[in-house]
């Protein structure tokens, strides 16, 4: 589904990602782990094209999307929920969903707004509330819901747990696991315990380089990886 081959991403002259490669297959949840500043968000921004790679390739369903504009990648099925959520603060929950609707994908069950409310019942009572008046957890749920009404083929989540209460994190985990049968998910997260609890496989990044990859069980039981690169 998604294949990232040896991407190098820069901020000005600073060489931040130094040859990152990873893969996410159909109906798979994969996490990208690492401490703050390790390169997780830069990887996501490189894939989406907000800060495109200078070198390397990104493929979606076998198609090279490396140089495609961000809006084109979204229309082609790559949904992205950024770390800061980027909901429209002046629009209601309902309006945030309405502006993001895209046509259904062939052979895929459509994510209508009604279906969103079925899967995110928390949002029903909030549908007329402005996005800027939502709590952090409510905003995160809305951000994911807004991505889904675009009927994506794949979902990228950048630090979804940041700043959320444990009870909301638990609810978020249920939502992410529930999406597995619908689409693959790439999850960049500093909260390694949460990420590994919902993922099939994981990659560990440090200083812009993938240091380790393995199953979720491998990463949970590898004490050396935990102590050197993770905060489990």
C-alpha atoms as a PDB file:
ATOM      1  CA  UNK A   1       0.000   0.000   0.000  1.00  0.00           C
ATOM      2  CA  UNK A   2       2.616   2.570   1.107  1.00  0.00           C
ATOM      3  CA  UNK A   3       6.304   2.180   0.384  1.00  0.00           C
ATOM      4  CA  UNK A   4       8.923   4.736   1.367  1.00  0.00           C
ATOM      5  CA  UNK A   5      12.342   4.220  -0.193  1.00  0.00           C
ATOM      6  CA  UNK A   6      15.454   5.935   1.120  1.00  0.00           C
ATOM      7  CA  UNK A   7      13.984   9.420   1.568  1.00  0.00           C
ATOM      8  CA  UNK A   8      16.199  12.335   2.577  1.00  0.00           C
ATOM      9  CA  UNK A   9      14.465  15.413   3.983  1.00  0.00           C
ATOM     10  CA  UNK A  10      16.096  18.740   4.782  1.00  0.00           C
ATOM     11  CA  UNK A  11      15.179  21.891   6.674  1.00  0.00           C
ATOM     12  CA  UNK A  12      17.277  24.439   4.866  1.00  0.00           C
ATOM     13  CA  UNK A  13      20.803  23.030   4.960  1.00  0.00           C
ATOM     14  CA  UNK A  14      20.022  20.723   7.883  1.00  0.00           C
ATOM     15  CA  UNK A  15      19.918  17.076   6.747  1.00  0.00           C
ATOM     16  CA  UNK A  16      17.149  15.771   9.041  1.00  0.00           C
ATOM     17  CA  UNK A  17      16.113  12.443   7.470  1.00  0.00           C
ATOM     18  CA  UNK A  18      19.064  10.449   6.220  1.00  0.00           C
ATOM     19  CA  UNK A  19      17.670   7.639   4.108  1.00  0.00           C
ATOM     20  CA  UNK A  20      14.423   6.532   5.786  1.00  0.00           C
ATOM     21  CA  UNK A  21      12.707   3.461   4.324  1.00  0.00           C
ATOM     22  CA  UNK A  22       9.514   1.837   5.590  1.00  0.00           C
ATOM     23  CA  UNK A  23       6.475  -0.030   4.341  1.00  0.00           C
ATOM     24  CA  UNK A  24       2.828  -0.337   5.343  1.00  0.00           C
ATOM     25  CA  UNK A  25       0.798  -3.154   3.810  1.00  0.00           C
ATOM     26  CA  UNK A  26      -2.937  -3.481   3.334  1.00  0.00           C
ATOM     27  CA  UNK A  27      -4.962  -3.918   6.549  1.00  0.00           C
ATOM     28  CA  UNK A  28      -1.908  -3.270   8.698  1.00  0.00           C
ATOM     29  CA  UNK A  29      -1.253  -0.779  11.470  1.00  0.00           C
ATOM     30  CA  UNK A  30       2.383   0.269  11.630  1.00  0.00           C
ATOM     31  CA  UNK A  31       3.917   2.647  14.152  1.00  0.00           C
ATOM     32  CA  UNK A  32       6.925   4.918  13.826  1.00  0.00           C
ATOM     33  CA  UNK A  33       8.495   5.338  17.259  1.00  0.00           C
ATOM     34  CA  UNK A  34      11.178   7.568  18.689  1.00  0.00           C
ATOM     35  CA  UNK A  35      11.902  10.226  21.223  1.00  0.00           C
ATOM     36  CA  UNK A  36      11.023  13.874  20.711  1.00  0.00           C
ATOM     37  CA  UNK A  37      13.033  15.292  17.799  1.00  0.00           C
ATOM     38  CA  UNK A  38      13.990  11.880  16.397  1.00  0.00           C
ATOM     39  CA  UNK A  39      12.411  12.554  12.988  1.00  0.00           C
ATOM     40  CA  UNK A  40       8.910  11.091  13.289  1.00  0.00           C
ATOM     41  CA  UNK A  41       6.952  14.174  12.221  1.00  0.00           C
ATOM     42  CA  UNK A  42       9.520  15.021   9.543  1.00  0.00           C
ATOM     43  CA  UNK A  43       8.974  11.556   8.074  1.00  0.00           C
ATOM     44  CA  UNK A  44       5.222  12.117   7.951  1.00  0.00           C
ATOM     45  CA  UNK A  45       5.616  15.566   6.393  1.00  0.00           C
ATOM     46  CA  UNK A  46       8.016  14.113   3.856  1.00  0.00           C
ATOM     47  CA  UNK A  47       5.555  11.396   2.858  1.00  0.00           C
ATOM     48  CA  UNK A  48       2.645  13.813   2.529  1.00  0.00           C
ATOM     49  CA  UNK A  49       4.768  16.394   0.734  1.00  0.00           C
ATOM     50  CA  UNK A  50       4.487  19.334   3.119  1.00  0.00           C
ATOM     51  CA  UNK A  51       8.285  19.129   3.284  1.00  0.00           C
ATOM     52  CA  UNK A  52       9.022  16.862   0.308  1.00  0.00           C
ATOM     53  CA  UNK A  53      12.116  14.663   0.090  1.00  0.00           C
ATOM     54  CA  UNK A  54      15.074  15.915  -1.910  1.00  0.00           C
ATOM     55  CA  UNK A  55      16.036  12.323  -2.630  1.00  0.00           C
ATOM     56  CA  UNK A  56      14.218   9.005  -2.440  1.00  0.00           C
ATOM     57  CA  UNK A  57      10.757   7.821  -3.452  1.00  0.00           C
ATOM     58  CA  UNK A  58       7.271   7.469  -1.965  1.00  0.00           C
ATOM     59  CA  UNK A  59       4.835   5.001  -3.539  1.00  0.00           C
ATOM     60  CA  UNK A  60       1.104   4.611  -2.887  1.00  0.00           C
ATOM     61  CA  UNK A  61      -0.361   1.432  -4.379  1.00  0.00           C
ATOM     62  CA  UNK A  62       2.699   1.114  -6.552  1.00  0.00           C
ATOM     63  CA  UNK A  63       2.393   4.633  -7.982  1.00  0.00           C
ATOM     64  CA  UNK A  64       5.216   7.111  -7.447  1.00  0.00           C
ATOM     65  CA  UNK A  65       3.658  10.075  -5.585  1.00  0.00           C
ATOM     66  CA  UNK A  66       6.918  11.627  -4.384  1.00  0.00           C
ATOM     67  CA  UNK A  67       6.606  14.858  -6.344  1.00  0.00           C
ATOM     68  CA  UNK A  68       2.817  15.123  -6.388  1.00  0.00           C
ATOM     69  CA  UNK A  69       1.240  18.199  -4.792  1.00  0.00           C
ATOM     70  CA  UNK A  70      -0.204  17.699  -1.302  1.00  0.00           C
ATOM     71  CA  UNK A  71      -3.786  18.233  -2.483  1.00  0.00           C
ATOM     72  CA  UNK A  72      -3.269  15.616  -5.212  1.00  0.00           C
ATOM     73  CA  UNK A  73      -1.985  13.054  -2.686  1.00  0.00           C
ATOM     74  CA  UNK A  74      -5.072  13.667  -0.551  1.00  0.00           C
ATOM     75  CA  UNK A  75      -7.361  13.219  -3.554  1.00  0.00           C
ATOM     76  CA  UNK A  76      -5.473  10.063  -4.494  1.00  0.00           C
ATOM     77  CA  UNK A  77      -6.276   8.581  -1.084  1.00  0.00           C
ATOM     78  CA  UNK A  78      -3.551   9.559   1.386  1.00  0.00           C
ATOM     79  CA  UNK A  79      -5.199  11.114   4.464  1.00  0.00           C
ATOM     80  CA  UNK A  80      -3.080  12.940   7.037  1.00  0.00           C
ATOM     81  CA  UNK A  81      -3.941  14.066  10.567  1.00  0.00           C
ATOM     82  CA  UNK A  82      -1.125  16.411  11.658  1.00  0.00           C
ATOM     83  CA  UNK A  83       0.212  16.781  15.163  1.00  0.00           C
ATOM     84  CA  UNK A  84      -1.600  20.099  15.675  1.00  0.00           C
ATOM     85  CA  UNK A  85      -4.870  18.706  14.215  1.00  0.00           C
ATOM     86  CA  UNK A  86      -5.562  21.790  12.067  1.00  0.00           C
ATOM     87  CA  UNK A  87      -9.327  21.744  12.485  1.00  0.00           C
ATOM     88  CA  UNK A  88     -11.207  24.884  11.464  1.00  0.00           C
ATOM     89  CA  UNK A  89     -11.733  26.681  14.763  1.00  0.00           C
ATOM     90  CA  UNK A  90     -14.431  28.995  13.409  1.00  0.00           C
ATOM     91  CA  UNK A  91     -16.538  26.195  11.906  1.00  0.00           C
ATOM     92  CA  UNK A  92     -18.833  23.822  13.736  1.00  0.00           C
ATOM     93  CA  UNK A  93     -18.128  20.111  13.965  1.00  0.00           C
ATOM     94  CA  UNK A  94     -20.724  19.495  11.247  1.00  0.00           C
ATOM     95  CA  UNK A  95     -19.191  22.145   8.997  1.00  0.00           C
ATOM     96  CA  UNK A  96     -15.665  20.772   9.546  1.00  0.00           C
ATOM     97  CA  UNK A  97     -16.923  17.440   8.236  1.00  0.00           C
ATOM     98  CA  UNK A  98     -18.907  18.878   5.335  1.00  0.00           C
ATOM     99  CA  UNK A  99     -15.971  20.781   3.826  1.00  0.00           C
ATOM    100  CA  UNK A 100     -13.795  17.632   3.778  1.00  0.00           C
ATOM    101  CA  UNK A 101     -16.162  15.234   1.987  1.00  0.00           C
ATOM    102  CA  UNK A 102     -14.733  13.510  -1.106  1.00  0.00           C
ATOM    103  CA  UNK A 103     -16.389  10.905  -3.375  1.00  0.00           C
ATOM    104  CA  UNK A 104     -16.288   7.244  -2.347  1.00  0.00           C
ATOM    105  CA  UNK A 105     -13.563   4.935  -3.656  1.00  0.00           C
ATOM    106  CA  UNK A 106     -14.498   2.113  -5.987  1.00  0.00           C
ATOM    107  CA  UNK A 107     -15.041  -1.080  -4.044  1.00  0.00           C
ATOM    108  CA  UNK A 108     -14.883   0.680  -0.674  1.00  0.00           C
ATOM    109  CA  UNK A 109     -17.697   1.368   1.764  1.00  0.00           C
ATOM    110  CA  UNK A 110     -18.307   5.106   1.853  1.00  0.00           C
ATOM    111  CA  UNK A 111     -17.551   7.201   4.913  1.00  0.00           C
ATOM    112  CA  UNK A 112     -20.640   9.407   4.994  1.00  0.00           C
ATOM    113  CA  UNK A 113     -21.200  11.991   7.705  1.00  0.00           C
ATOM    114  CA  UNK A 114     -23.956   9.778   9.133  1.00  0.00           C
ATOM    115  CA  UNK A 115     -21.504   6.887   9.323  1.00  0.00           C
ATOM    116  CA  UNK A 116     -19.006   9.155  11.071  1.00  0.00           C
ATOM    117  CA  UNK A 117     -21.539   9.925  13.795  1.00  0.00           C
ATOM    118  CA  UNK A 118     -22.253   6.197  14.169  1.00  0.00           C
ATOM    119  CA  UNK A 119     -18.545   5.502  14.727  1.00  0.00           C
ATOM    120  CA  UNK A 120     -17.796   8.678  16.694  1.00  0.00           C
ATOM    121  CA  UNK A 121     -20.876   9.062  18.947  1.00  0.00           C
ATOM    122  CA  UNK A 122     -18.980  11.634  21.025  1.00  0.00           C
ATOM    123  CA  UNK A 123     -19.359  14.079  18.126  1.00  0.00           C
ATOM    124  CA  UNK A 124     -23.161  13.833  17.878  1.00  0.00           C
ATOM    125  CA  UNK A 125     -23.823  16.165  20.813  1.00  0.00           C
ATOM    126  CA  UNK A 126     -21.065  18.482  19.572  1.00  0.00           C
ATOM    127  CA  UNK A 127     -22.128  18.838  15.932  1.00  0.00           C
ATOM    128  CA  UNK A 128     -23.170  22.495  16.367  1.00  0.00           C
ATOM    129  CA  UNK A 129     -20.197  23.486  18.537  1.00  0.00           C
ATOM    130  CA  UNK A 130     -17.350  25.494  17.038  1.00  0.00           C
ATOM    131  CA  UNK A 131     -14.107  23.599  16.598  1.00  0.00           C
ATOM    132  CA  UNK A 132     -12.220  26.147  18.673  1.00  0.00           C
ATOM    133  CA  UNK A 133     -14.451  25.399  21.659  1.00  0.00           C
ATOM    134  CA  UNK A 134     -13.696  21.674  21.746  1.00  0.00           C
ATOM    135  CA  UNK A 135     -11.360  19.973  24.203  1.00  0.00           C
ATOM    136  CA  UNK A 136      -8.107  18.456  22.955  1.00  0.00           C
ATOM    137  CA  UNK A 137      -9.597  14.967  22.841  1.00  0.00           C
ATOM    138  CA  UNK A 138     -12.698  16.176  21.031  1.00  0.00           C
ATOM    139  CA  UNK A 139     -10.538  18.004  18.496  1.00  0.00           C
ATOM    140  CA  UNK A 140      -8.480  14.862  17.887  1.00  0.00           C
ATOM    141  CA  UNK A 141     -11.587  12.779  17.258  1.00  0.00           C
ATOM    142  CA  UNK A 142     -12.887  15.459  14.889  1.00  0.00           C
ATOM    143  CA  UNK A 143      -9.559  15.609  13.051  1.00  0.00           C
ATOM    144  CA  UNK A 144      -9.643  11.846  12.431  1.00  0.00           C
ATOM    145  CA  UNK A 145     -13.314  11.952  11.469  1.00  0.00           C
ATOM    146  CA  UNK A 146     -12.645  14.792   9.034  1.00  0.00           C
ATOM    147  CA  UNK A 147      -9.870  12.754   7.417  1.00  0.00           C
ATOM    148  CA  UNK A 148     -12.192   9.772   7.026  1.00  0.00           C
ATOM    149  CA  UNK A 149     -14.970  11.643   5.178  1.00  0.00           C
ATOM    150  CA  UNK A 150     -12.382  12.160   2.456  1.00  0.00           C
ATOM    151  CA  UNK A 151     -12.761   8.390   1.911  1.00  0.00           C
ATOM    152  CA  UNK A 152      -9.020   7.692   1.982  1.00  0.00           C
ATOM    153  CA  UNK A 153      -7.171   4.545   1.044  1.00  0.00           C
ATOM    154  CA  UNK A 154      -4.696   5.065   3.882  1.00  0.00           C
ATOM    155  CA  UNK A 155      -4.483   7.111   7.079  1.00  0.00           C
ATOM    156  CA  UNK A 156      -1.407   8.807   8.556  1.00  0.00           C
ATOM    157  CA  UNK A 157      -1.621   9.950  12.187  1.00  0.00           C
ATOM    158  CA  UNK A 158       1.067  12.185  13.674  1.00  0.00           C
ATOM    159  CA  UNK A 159       1.333  12.137  17.498  1.00  0.00           C
ATOM    160  CA  UNK A 160      -2.414  11.554  18.094  1.00  0.00           C
ATOM    161  CA  UNK A 161      -1.972  11.031  21.857  1.00  0.00           C
ATOM    162  CA  UNK A 162      -0.165  14.269  22.598  1.00  0.00           C
ATOM    163  CA  UNK A 163      -1.778  16.201  25.444  1.00  0.00           C
ATOM    164  CA  UNK A 164      -4.715  13.814  25.856  1.00  0.00           C
ATOM    165  CA  UNK A 165      -6.068  12.351  29.101  1.00  0.00           C
ATOM    166  CA  UNK A 166      -5.604   8.576  29.558  1.00  0.00           C
ATOM    167  CA  UNK A 167      -9.325   7.869  29.156  1.00  0.00           C
ATOM    168  CA  UNK A 168      -9.331   9.652  25.790  1.00  0.00           C
ATOM    169  CA  UNK A 169      -6.170   7.815  24.721  1.00  0.00           C
ATOM    170  CA  UNK A 170      -7.923   4.528  25.474  1.00  0.00           C
ATOM    171  CA  UNK A 171     -10.911   5.556  23.359  1.00  0.00           C
ATOM    172  CA  UNK A 172      -8.590   6.672  20.583  1.00  0.00           C
ATOM    173  CA  UNK A 173      -6.941   3.258  20.585  1.00  0.00           C
ATOM    174  CA  UNK A 174     -10.302   1.594  19.994  1.00  0.00           C
ATOM    175  CA  UNK A 175     -10.967   3.909  17.059  1.00  0.00           C
ATOM    176  CA  UNK A 176      -7.585   3.154  15.441  1.00  0.00           C
ATOM    177  CA  UNK A 177      -7.950  -0.618  15.870  1.00  0.00           C
ATOM    178  CA  UNK A 178     -11.441  -0.394  14.404  1.00  0.00           C
ATOM    179  CA  UNK A 179     -10.043   1.161  11.249  1.00  0.00           C
ATOM    180  CA  UNK A 180      -7.701  -1.756  10.546  1.00  0.00           C
ATOM    181  CA  UNK A 181     -10.242  -3.667   8.462  1.00  0.00           C
ATOM    182  CA  UNK A 182     -10.973  -0.520   6.445  1.00  0.00           C
ATOM    183  CA  UNK A 183      -7.518   0.806   5.617  1.00  0.00           C
ATOM    184  CA  UNK A 184      -3.866   0.646   6.638  1.00  0.00           C
ATOM    185  CA  UNK A 185      -2.630   3.142   9.218  1.00  0.00           C
ATOM    186  CA  UNK A 186       0.805   4.653   9.783  1.00  0.00           C
ATOM    187  CA  UNK A 187       1.069   6.037  13.296  1.00  0.00           C
ATOM    188  CA  UNK A 188       3.930   8.292  14.428  1.00  0.00           C
ATOM    189  CA  UNK A 189       3.913   8.394  18.200  1.00  0.00           C
ATOM    190  CA  UNK A 190       6.171   9.136  21.167  1.00  0.00           C
ATOM    191  CA  UNK A 191       3.917   7.136  23.482  1.00  0.00           C
ATOM    192  CA  UNK A 192       5.441   3.778  22.595  1.00  0.00           C
ATOM    193  CA  UNK A 193       3.268   1.740  24.953  1.00  0.00           C
ATOM    194  CA  UNK A 194       0.089   3.051  23.313  1.00  0.00           C
ATOM    195  CA  UNK A 195       1.420   2.749  19.771  1.00  0.00           C
ATOM    196  CA  UNK A 196       2.607  -0.828  20.213  1.00  0.00           C
ATOM    197  CA  UNK A 197      -0.691  -1.820  21.822  1.00  0.00           C
ATOM    198  CA  UNK A 198      -2.575  -0.988  18.602  1.00  0.00           C
ATOM    199  CA  UNK A 199       0.070  -1.833  15.977  1.00  0.00           C
ATOM    200  CA  UNK A 200       1.149  -4.957  14.117  1.00  0.00           C
ATOM    201  CA  UNK A 201       4.701  -3.767  13.453  1.00  0.00           C
ATOM    202  CA  UNK A 202       6.907  -0.854  14.303  1.00  0.00           C
ATOM    203  CA  UNK A 203       9.948   1.115  13.230  1.00  0.00           C
ATOM    204  CA  UNK A 204      12.241   2.979  15.618  1.00  0.00           C
ATOM    205  CA  UNK A 205      13.794   6.197  14.344  1.00  0.00           C
ATOM    206  CA  UNK A 206      16.593   8.177  15.963  1.00  0.00           C
ATOM    207  CA  UNK A 207      18.482  11.179  14.561  1.00  0.00           C
ATOM    208  CA  UNK A 208      16.777  10.758  11.211  1.00  0.00           C
ATOM    209  CA  UNK A 209      17.741   7.109  10.722  1.00  0.00           C
ATOM    210  CA  UNK A 210      15.669   3.932  11.180  1.00  0.00           C
ATOM    211  CA  UNK A 211      17.504   2.020  13.905  1.00  0.00           C
ATOM    212  CA  UNK A 212      15.261  -0.990  14.321  1.00  0.00           C
ATOM    213  CA  UNK A 213      12.137  -2.631  12.924  1.00  0.00           C
ATOM    214  CA  UNK A 214      10.113  -5.558  14.142  1.00  0.00           C
ATOM    215  CA  UNK A 215       6.764  -6.817  15.341  1.00  0.00           C
ATOM    216  CA  UNK A 216       4.990  -5.058  18.173  1.00  0.00           C
ATOM    217  CA  UNK A 217       5.864  -7.956  20.476  1.00  0.00           C
ATOM    218  CA  UNK A 218       9.532  -7.705  19.486  1.00  0.00           C
ATOM    219  CA  UNK A 219       9.654  -4.039  20.365  1.00  0.00           C
ATOM    220  CA  UNK A 220       7.766  -4.478  23.627  1.00  0.00           C
ATOM    221  CA  UNK A 221      10.141  -7.167  24.848  1.00  0.00           C
ATOM    222  CA  UNK A 222      13.447  -5.751  23.590  1.00  0.00           C
ATOM    223  CA  UNK A 223      14.829  -4.026  26.670  1.00  0.00           C
ATOM    224  CA  UNK A 224      17.833  -2.614  24.825  1.00  0.00           C
ATOM    225  CA  UNK A 225      15.626  -0.844  22.277  1.00  0.00           C
ATOM    226  CA  UNK A 226      13.378   0.451  25.045  1.00  0.00           C
ATOM    227  CA  UNK A 227      16.214   1.885  27.086  1.00  0.00           C
ATOM    228  CA  UNK A 228      18.111   3.417  24.150  1.00  0.00           C
ATOM    229  CA  UNK A 229      15.314   4.793  21.970  1.00  0.00           C
ATOM    230  CA  UNK A 230      11.883   4.548  23.611  1.00  0.00           C
ATOM    231  CA  UNK A 231       9.919   5.683  26.616  1.00  0.00           C
ATOM    232  CA  UNK A 232       7.581   2.729  27.100  1.00  0.00           C
END
